[in-house]
């Protein structure tokens, strides 16, 4: 019984590892490459991992980005630095500047029906797909 469990564990581990693989920047969808060139030209790519239908990109400055199979960004996490201007929809940026003038956006995640953002203060805000404020956590 122990041998069967060990064998199943090994098989599952290999399956998980094979689903996530390191790739080079030339294997990224064109939209993702353009996004990196437009907003993160000063940063070098540290690693790119393809996992299922998404791409996870880590830059040398610590920024983490996620793209879908088409190359559209789904998440940008700049850790402690502000998200570059132009990524965040203008209505969301205006709301944050108006209501939290001492804060800036460090993370944005684009969901199917909303945007989740995180401020450098740790406050998390949710907006609908049109950029209208929904709630804070």
N, C-alpha and C. Protein backbone atom coordinates (compact mmCIF):
# COMPACT_ATOMS: atom_id res chain seq x y z
N UNK A 1 0.83 -1.19 0.00
CA UNK A 1 0.00 0.00 0.00
C UNK A 1 0.87 1.25 0.00
N UNK A 2 1.94 1.25 0.82
CA UNK A 2 2.82 2.41 0.87
C UNK A 2 3.51 2.64 -0.47
N UNK A 3 3.86 1.55 -1.15
CA UNK A 3 4.53 1.67 -2.45
C UNK A 3 3.57 2.28 -3.48
N UNK A 4 2.31 1.91 -3.42
CA UNK A 4 1.32 2.45 -4.35
C UNK A 4 1.14 3.95 -4.10
N UNK A 5 1.03 4.34 -2.84
CA UNK A 5 0.90 5.75 -2.51
C UNK A 5 2.13 6.54 -2.95
N UNK A 6 3.30 5.99 -2.74
CA UNK A 6 4.53 6.66 -3.16
C UNK A 6 4.57 6.80 -4.68
N UNK A 7 4.17 5.76 -5.38
CA UNK A 7 4.14 5.81 -6.84
C UNK A 7 3.15 6.87 -7.33
N UNK A 8 1.96 6.92 -6.73
CA UNK A 8 0.97 7.92 -7.11
C UNK A 8 1.47 9.34 -6.83
N UNK A 9 2.14 9.52 -5.71
CA UNK A 9 2.71 10.82 -5.37
C UNK A 9 3.75 11.23 -6.40
N UNK A 10 4.60 10.33 -6.81
CA UNK A 10 5.62 10.62 -7.82
C UNK A 10 4.98 10.98 -9.16
N UNK A 11 3.97 10.24 -9.54
CA UNK A 11 3.28 10.51 -10.81
C UNK A 11 2.62 11.89 -10.79
N UNK A 12 1.95 12.22 -9.69
CA UNK A 12 1.32 13.53 -9.57
C UNK A 12 2.35 14.65 -9.57
N UNK A 13 3.48 14.44 -8.92
CA UNK A 13 4.54 15.45 -8.90
C UNK A 13 5.07 15.71 -10.29
N UNK A 14 5.29 14.67 -11.05
CA UNK A 14 5.78 14.82 -12.43
C UNK A 14 4.73 15.54 -13.27
N UNK A 15 3.46 15.23 -13.08
CA UNK A 15 2.39 15.88 -13.83
C UNK A 15 2.33 17.36 -13.53
N UNK A 16 2.46 17.74 -12.27
CA UNK A 16 2.45 19.15 -11.88
C UNK A 16 3.65 19.87 -12.45
N UNK A 17 4.82 19.29 -12.35
CA UNK A 17 6.04 19.90 -12.86
C UNK A 17 5.96 20.09 -14.36
N UNK A 18 5.41 19.10 -15.07
CA UNK A 18 5.33 19.20 -16.52
C UNK A 18 4.33 20.25 -16.99
N UNK A 19 3.35 20.62 -16.14
CA UNK A 19 2.38 21.65 -16.50
C UNK A 19 2.99 23.04 -16.43
N UNK A 20 3.99 23.23 -15.62
CA UNK A 20 4.66 24.51 -15.48
C UNK A 20 6.06 24.37 -16.05
N UNK A 21 6.34 25.17 -17.08
CA UNK A 21 7.67 25.07 -17.65
C UNK A 21 8.23 26.46 -17.92
N UNK A 22 9.52 26.56 -17.77
CA UNK A 22 10.23 27.81 -18.04
C UNK A 22 10.31 28.00 -19.55
N UNK A 23 10.06 29.22 -19.98
CA UNK A 23 10.18 29.55 -21.39
C UNK A 23 11.00 30.82 -21.54
N UNK A 24 11.36 31.15 -22.77
CA UNK A 24 12.09 32.38 -23.05
C UNK A 24 11.12 33.44 -23.54
N UNK A 25 11.57 34.68 -23.53
CA UNK A 25 10.69 35.81 -23.88
C UNK A 25 10.16 35.70 -25.30
N UNK A 26 10.89 35.09 -26.19
CA UNK A 26 10.41 34.97 -27.57
C UNK A 26 9.19 34.05 -27.68
N UNK A 27 8.91 33.25 -26.65
CA UNK A 27 7.76 32.36 -26.65
C UNK A 27 6.50 33.03 -26.08
N UNK A 28 6.64 34.24 -25.54
CA UNK A 28 5.49 34.98 -25.04
C UNK A 28 4.63 35.45 -26.20
N UNK A 29 3.31 35.57 -26.00
CA UNK A 29 2.47 36.16 -27.04
C UNK A 29 2.93 37.60 -27.34
N UNK A 30 2.72 38.04 -28.56
CA UNK A 30 3.18 39.36 -28.99
C UNK A 30 2.64 40.48 -28.10
N UNK A 31 1.37 40.41 -27.69
CA UNK A 31 0.78 41.44 -26.84
C UNK A 31 1.54 41.56 -25.52
N UNK A 32 1.94 40.44 -24.95
CA UNK A 32 2.67 40.46 -23.68
C UNK A 32 4.05 41.09 -23.86
N UNK A 33 4.71 40.78 -24.98
CA UNK A 33 6.02 41.38 -25.26
C UNK A 33 5.90 42.90 -25.42
N UNK A 34 4.86 43.34 -26.12
CA UNK A 34 4.64 44.78 -26.29
C UNK A 34 4.35 45.46 -24.96
N UNK A 35 3.57 44.80 -24.11
CA UNK A 35 3.26 45.33 -22.79
C UNK A 35 4.55 45.52 -21.98
N UNK A 36 5.40 44.52 -21.98
CA UNK A 36 6.68 44.63 -21.26
C UNK A 36 7.52 45.77 -21.82
N UNK A 37 7.57 45.90 -23.14
CA UNK A 37 8.35 46.98 -23.76
C UNK A 37 7.78 48.35 -23.46
N UNK A 38 6.45 48.45 -23.38
CA UNK A 38 5.80 49.74 -23.13
C UNK A 38 5.92 50.20 -21.68
N UNK A 39 5.82 49.28 -20.73
CA UNK A 39 5.73 49.67 -19.33
C UNK A 39 6.93 49.27 -18.46
N UNK A 40 7.73 48.34 -18.91
CA UNK A 40 8.82 47.84 -18.08
C UNK A 40 10.12 47.74 -18.87
N UNK A 41 10.37 48.71 -19.70
CA UNK A 41 11.55 48.71 -20.56
C UNK A 41 12.85 48.75 -19.75
N UNK A 42 12.80 49.39 -18.58
CA UNK A 42 14.00 49.52 -17.75
C UNK A 42 14.29 48.29 -16.91
N UNK A 43 13.40 47.32 -16.90
CA UNK A 43 13.58 46.12 -16.09
C UNK A 43 13.90 44.92 -16.97
N UNK A 44 14.72 44.05 -16.47
CA UNK A 44 15.07 42.82 -17.18
C UNK A 44 14.13 41.69 -16.73
N UNK A 45 13.87 40.77 -17.64
CA UNK A 45 13.07 39.59 -17.30
C UNK A 45 13.97 38.60 -16.59
N UNK A 46 13.55 38.19 -15.40
CA UNK A 46 14.29 37.20 -14.62
C UNK A 46 13.85 35.79 -15.00
N UNK A 47 12.52 35.59 -15.09
CA UNK A 47 12.01 34.27 -15.49
C UNK A 47 10.61 34.38 -16.05
N UNK A 48 10.29 33.43 -16.91
CA UNK A 48 8.95 33.32 -17.49
C UNK A 48 8.54 31.87 -17.36
N UNK A 49 7.36 31.68 -16.80
CA UNK A 49 6.84 30.33 -16.60
C UNK A 49 5.49 30.20 -17.27
N UNK A 50 5.33 29.21 -18.10
CA UNK A 50 4.04 28.93 -18.72
C UNK A 50 3.36 27.86 -17.87
N UNK A 51 2.16 28.19 -17.43
CA UNK A 51 1.42 27.28 -16.58
C UNK A 51 0.00 27.17 -17.14
N UNK A 52 -0.30 26.06 -17.79
CA UNK A 52 -1.61 25.91 -18.43
C UNK A 52 -1.75 26.92 -19.54
N UNK A 53 -2.73 27.80 -19.41
CA UNK A 53 -2.95 28.81 -20.45
C UNK A 53 -2.50 30.20 -20.01
N UNK A 54 -1.68 30.29 -18.97
CA UNK A 54 -1.21 31.59 -18.53
C UNK A 54 0.31 31.63 -18.48
N UNK A 55 0.80 32.85 -18.46
CA UNK A 55 2.25 33.10 -18.41
C UNK A 55 2.54 33.95 -17.18
N UNK A 56 3.48 33.50 -16.36
CA UNK A 56 3.91 34.26 -15.19
C UNK A 56 5.30 34.79 -15.47
N UNK A 57 5.45 36.11 -15.37
CA UNK A 57 6.72 36.76 -15.66
C UNK A 57 7.21 37.45 -14.40
N UNK A 58 8.47 37.22 -14.07
CA UNK A 58 9.10 37.88 -12.93
C UNK A 58 10.25 38.73 -13.46
N UNK A 59 10.25 40.01 -13.06
CA UNK A 59 11.30 40.92 -13.49
C UNK A 59 12.36 41.05 -12.40
N UNK A 60 13.53 41.54 -12.78
CA UNK A 60 14.64 41.65 -11.81
C UNK A 60 14.34 42.65 -10.70
N UNK A 61 13.41 43.58 -10.93
CA UNK A 61 13.08 44.54 -9.87
C UNK A 61 12.03 43.99 -8.90
N UNK A 62 11.63 42.73 -9.09
CA UNK A 62 10.66 42.10 -8.19
C UNK A 62 9.23 42.14 -8.69
N UNK A 63 8.98 42.83 -9.78
CA UNK A 63 7.63 42.90 -10.33
C UNK A 63 7.20 41.53 -10.84
N UNK A 64 5.95 41.18 -10.53
CA UNK A 64 5.35 39.93 -11.01
C UNK A 64 4.19 40.29 -11.93
N UNK A 65 4.17 39.66 -13.10
CA UNK A 65 3.10 39.91 -14.06
C UNK A 65 2.50 38.59 -14.49
N UNK A 66 1.22 38.63 -14.80
CA UNK A 66 0.57 37.44 -15.32
C UNK A 66 -0.18 37.83 -16.58
N UNK A 67 -0.06 36.99 -17.61
CA UNK A 67 -0.73 37.21 -18.89
C UNK A 67 -1.55 35.97 -19.23
N UNK A 68 -2.66 36.18 -19.94
CA UNK A 68 -3.44 35.03 -20.40
C UNK A 68 -2.86 34.52 -21.71
N UNK A 69 -3.47 33.51 -22.29
CA UNK A 69 -2.92 32.88 -23.49
C UNK A 69 -2.87 33.82 -24.68
N UNK A 70 -3.70 34.88 -24.68
CA UNK A 70 -3.69 35.86 -25.76
C UNK A 70 -2.62 36.93 -25.56
N UNK A 71 -2.05 36.98 -24.36
CA UNK A 71 -1.03 37.99 -24.07
C UNK A 71 -1.58 39.21 -23.37
N UNK A 72 -2.86 39.18 -23.00
CA UNK A 72 -3.45 40.29 -22.24
C UNK A 72 -3.05 40.13 -20.78
N UNK A 73 -2.70 41.25 -20.12
CA UNK A 73 -2.32 41.15 -18.72
C UNK A 73 -3.54 40.83 -17.88
N UNK A 74 -3.33 40.01 -16.86
CA UNK A 74 -4.40 39.71 -15.91
C UNK A 74 -4.02 40.17 -14.50
N UNK A 75 -2.72 40.34 -14.27
CA UNK A 75 -2.26 40.81 -12.95
C UNK A 75 -0.90 41.48 -13.10
N UNK A 76 -0.76 42.59 -12.37
CA UNK A 76 0.52 43.29 -12.31
C UNK A 76 0.75 43.61 -10.84
N UNK A 77 1.86 43.12 -10.29
CA UNK A 77 2.20 43.35 -8.89
C UNK A 77 3.60 43.94 -8.83
N UNK A 78 3.66 45.24 -8.53
CA UNK A 78 4.94 45.94 -8.47
C UNK A 78 5.51 45.97 -7.05
N UNK A 79 4.96 45.15 -6.17
CA UNK A 79 5.41 45.01 -4.78
C UNK A 79 5.24 46.33 -4.02
N UNK A 80 6.29 47.13 -3.89
CA UNK A 80 6.22 48.37 -3.12
C UNK A 80 6.30 49.62 -4.00
N UNK A 81 6.37 49.42 -5.31
CA UNK A 81 6.47 50.55 -6.24
C UNK A 81 5.11 50.80 -6.90
N UNK A 82 4.88 52.03 -7.36
CA UNK A 82 3.62 52.31 -8.05
C UNK A 82 3.52 51.58 -9.39
N UNK A 83 2.32 51.18 -9.74
CA UNK A 83 2.05 50.59 -11.06
C UNK A 83 2.32 51.70 -12.09
N UNK A 84 2.99 51.40 -13.19
CA UNK A 84 3.22 52.42 -14.22
C UNK A 84 1.93 53.05 -14.74
N UNK A 85 2.00 54.36 -14.98
CA UNK A 85 0.86 55.09 -15.52
C UNK A 85 0.46 54.49 -16.86
N UNK A 86 -0.81 54.32 -17.06
CA UNK A 86 -1.32 53.78 -18.31
C UNK A 86 -1.86 52.38 -18.17
N UNK A 87 -1.41 51.65 -17.14
CA UNK A 87 -1.92 50.29 -16.94
C UNK A 87 -3.29 50.34 -16.25
N UNK A 88 -3.39 51.17 -15.22
CA UNK A 88 -4.62 51.27 -14.45
C UNK A 88 -5.62 52.14 -15.21
N UNK A 89 -6.87 51.66 -15.37
CA UNK A 89 -7.88 52.49 -16.04
C UNK A 89 -7.98 53.87 -15.37
N UNK A 90 -8.18 54.89 -16.17
CA UNK A 90 -8.15 56.26 -15.66
C UNK A 90 -9.19 56.53 -14.58
N UNK A 91 -10.37 55.94 -14.68
CA UNK A 91 -11.39 56.17 -13.65
C UNK A 91 -10.95 55.61 -12.29
N UNK A 92 -10.25 54.51 -12.30
CA UNK A 92 -9.74 53.92 -11.05
C UNK A 92 -8.62 54.80 -10.51
N UNK A 93 -7.71 55.21 -11.37
CA UNK A 93 -6.60 56.07 -10.96
C UNK A 93 -7.13 57.37 -10.36
N UNK A 94 -8.14 57.97 -10.98
CA UNK A 94 -8.74 59.21 -10.48
C UNK A 94 -9.38 58.99 -9.11
N UNK A 95 -10.08 57.87 -8.95
CA UNK A 95 -10.71 57.57 -7.66
C UNK A 95 -9.66 57.47 -6.56
N UNK A 96 -8.58 56.77 -6.84
CA UNK A 96 -7.52 56.60 -5.83
C UNK A 96 -6.87 57.95 -5.51
N UNK A 97 -6.55 58.73 -6.54
CA UNK A 97 -5.92 60.04 -6.31
C UNK A 97 -6.82 60.97 -5.51
N UNK A 98 -8.12 60.90 -5.74
CA UNK A 98 -9.08 61.76 -5.05
C UNK A 98 -9.32 61.32 -3.61
N UNK A 99 -9.48 60.01 -3.41
CA UNK A 99 -9.87 59.51 -2.09
C UNK A 99 -8.72 59.06 -1.21
N UNK A 100 -7.57 58.79 -1.80
CA UNK A 100 -6.40 58.34 -1.06
C UNK A 100 -5.15 59.05 -1.59
N UNK A 101 -5.11 60.38 -1.44
CA UNK A 101 -4.03 61.16 -2.06
C UNK A 101 -2.63 60.81 -1.57
N UNK A 102 -2.52 60.21 -0.42
CA UNK A 102 -1.21 59.83 0.13
C UNK A 102 -0.77 58.44 -0.31
N UNK A 103 -1.64 57.74 -1.02
CA UNK A 103 -1.36 56.35 -1.41
C UNK A 103 -1.19 56.22 -2.91
N UNK A 104 -0.67 55.06 -3.31
CA UNK A 104 -0.57 54.73 -4.73
C UNK A 104 -0.83 53.24 -4.91
N UNK A 105 -1.17 52.86 -6.15
CA UNK A 105 -1.52 51.48 -6.48
C UNK A 105 -0.24 50.67 -6.70
N UNK A 106 -0.12 49.56 -5.99
CA UNK A 106 1.04 48.68 -6.15
C UNK A 106 0.69 47.38 -6.86
N UNK A 107 -0.61 47.06 -6.88
CA UNK A 107 -1.03 45.79 -7.49
C UNK A 107 -2.40 45.96 -8.11
N UNK A 108 -2.59 45.36 -9.29
CA UNK A 108 -3.90 45.35 -9.93
C UNK A 108 -4.12 43.98 -10.55
N UNK A 109 -5.33 43.50 -10.36
CA UNK A 109 -5.71 42.20 -10.92
C UNK A 109 -7.00 42.39 -11.69
N UNK A 110 -7.00 41.97 -12.95
CA UNK A 110 -8.17 42.10 -13.80
C UNK A 110 -8.92 40.77 -13.77
N UNK A 111 -10.09 40.82 -13.19
CA UNK A 111 -10.96 39.64 -13.13
C UNK A 111 -11.97 39.72 -14.27
N UNK A 112 -12.81 38.74 -14.36
CA UNK A 112 -13.81 38.72 -15.44
C UNK A 112 -14.75 39.92 -15.36
N UNK A 113 -15.22 40.27 -14.15
CA UNK A 113 -16.20 41.35 -14.01
C UNK A 113 -15.71 42.52 -13.18
N UNK A 114 -14.47 42.47 -12.70
CA UNK A 114 -14.01 43.59 -11.88
C UNK A 114 -12.48 43.70 -11.86
N UNK A 115 -12.04 44.75 -11.21
CA UNK A 115 -10.61 44.97 -10.97
C UNK A 115 -10.40 44.97 -9.46
N UNK A 116 -9.41 44.24 -9.00
CA UNK A 116 -9.00 44.28 -7.60
C UNK A 116 -7.66 45.01 -7.57
N UNK A 117 -7.56 46.02 -6.72
CA UNK A 117 -6.29 46.73 -6.60
C UNK A 117 -5.84 46.75 -5.15
N UNK A 118 -4.56 46.93 -4.97
CA UNK A 118 -4.00 47.06 -3.63
C UNK A 118 -3.16 48.32 -3.60
N UNK A 119 -3.33 49.09 -2.52
CA UNK A 119 -2.57 50.31 -2.33
C UNK A 119 -1.34 50.02 -1.48
N UNK A 120 -0.37 50.92 -1.52
CA UNK A 120 0.84 50.74 -0.72
C UNK A 120 0.53 50.74 0.77
N UNK A 121 -0.62 51.23 1.17
CA UNK A 121 -1.04 51.21 2.58
C UNK A 121 -1.57 49.84 2.99
N UNK A 122 -1.77 48.94 2.00
CA UNK A 122 -2.31 47.62 2.28
C UNK A 122 -3.80 47.53 2.04
N UNK A 123 -4.46 48.67 1.84
CA UNK A 123 -5.89 48.68 1.59
C UNK A 123 -6.18 48.06 0.22
N UNK A 124 -7.21 47.21 0.16
CA UNK A 124 -7.62 46.58 -1.09
C UNK A 124 -8.95 47.15 -1.52
N UNK A 125 -9.05 47.52 -2.79
CA UNK A 125 -10.25 48.12 -3.34
C UNK A 125 -10.73 47.29 -4.53
N UNK A 126 -12.03 47.25 -4.72
CA UNK A 126 -12.61 46.52 -5.85
C UNK A 126 -13.46 47.49 -6.67
N UNK A 127 -13.29 47.40 -7.99
CA UNK A 127 -14.01 48.23 -8.94
C UNK A 127 -14.67 47.33 -9.97
N UNK A 128 -15.79 47.78 -10.54
CA UNK A 128 -16.41 46.99 -11.60
C UNK A 128 -15.61 47.16 -12.88
N UNK A 129 -16.04 46.49 -13.94
CA UNK A 129 -15.29 46.51 -15.19
C UNK A 129 -15.28 47.88 -15.85
N UNK A 130 -16.18 48.78 -15.41
CA UNK A 130 -16.20 50.15 -15.93
C UNK A 130 -15.40 51.12 -15.05
N UNK A 131 -14.80 50.59 -13.99
CA UNK A 131 -14.00 51.43 -13.11
C UNK A 131 -14.77 52.11 -12.00
N UNK A 132 -15.98 51.67 -11.75
CA UNK A 132 -16.79 52.23 -10.66
C UNK A 132 -16.45 51.52 -9.36
N UNK A 133 -16.22 52.29 -8.30
CA UNK A 133 -15.87 51.73 -7.00
C UNK A 133 -16.99 50.84 -6.47
N UNK A 134 -16.63 49.65 -5.96
CA UNK A 134 -17.61 48.74 -5.37
C UNK A 134 -17.45 48.63 -3.87
N UNK A 135 -16.23 48.30 -3.41
CA UNK A 135 -16.02 48.19 -1.96
C UNK A 135 -14.53 48.15 -1.63
N UNK A 136 -14.26 48.30 -0.33
CA UNK A 136 -12.88 48.24 0.17
C UNK A 136 -12.78 47.13 1.20
N UNK A 137 -11.60 46.53 1.28
CA UNK A 137 -11.34 45.49 2.29
C UNK A 137 -10.16 45.91 3.12
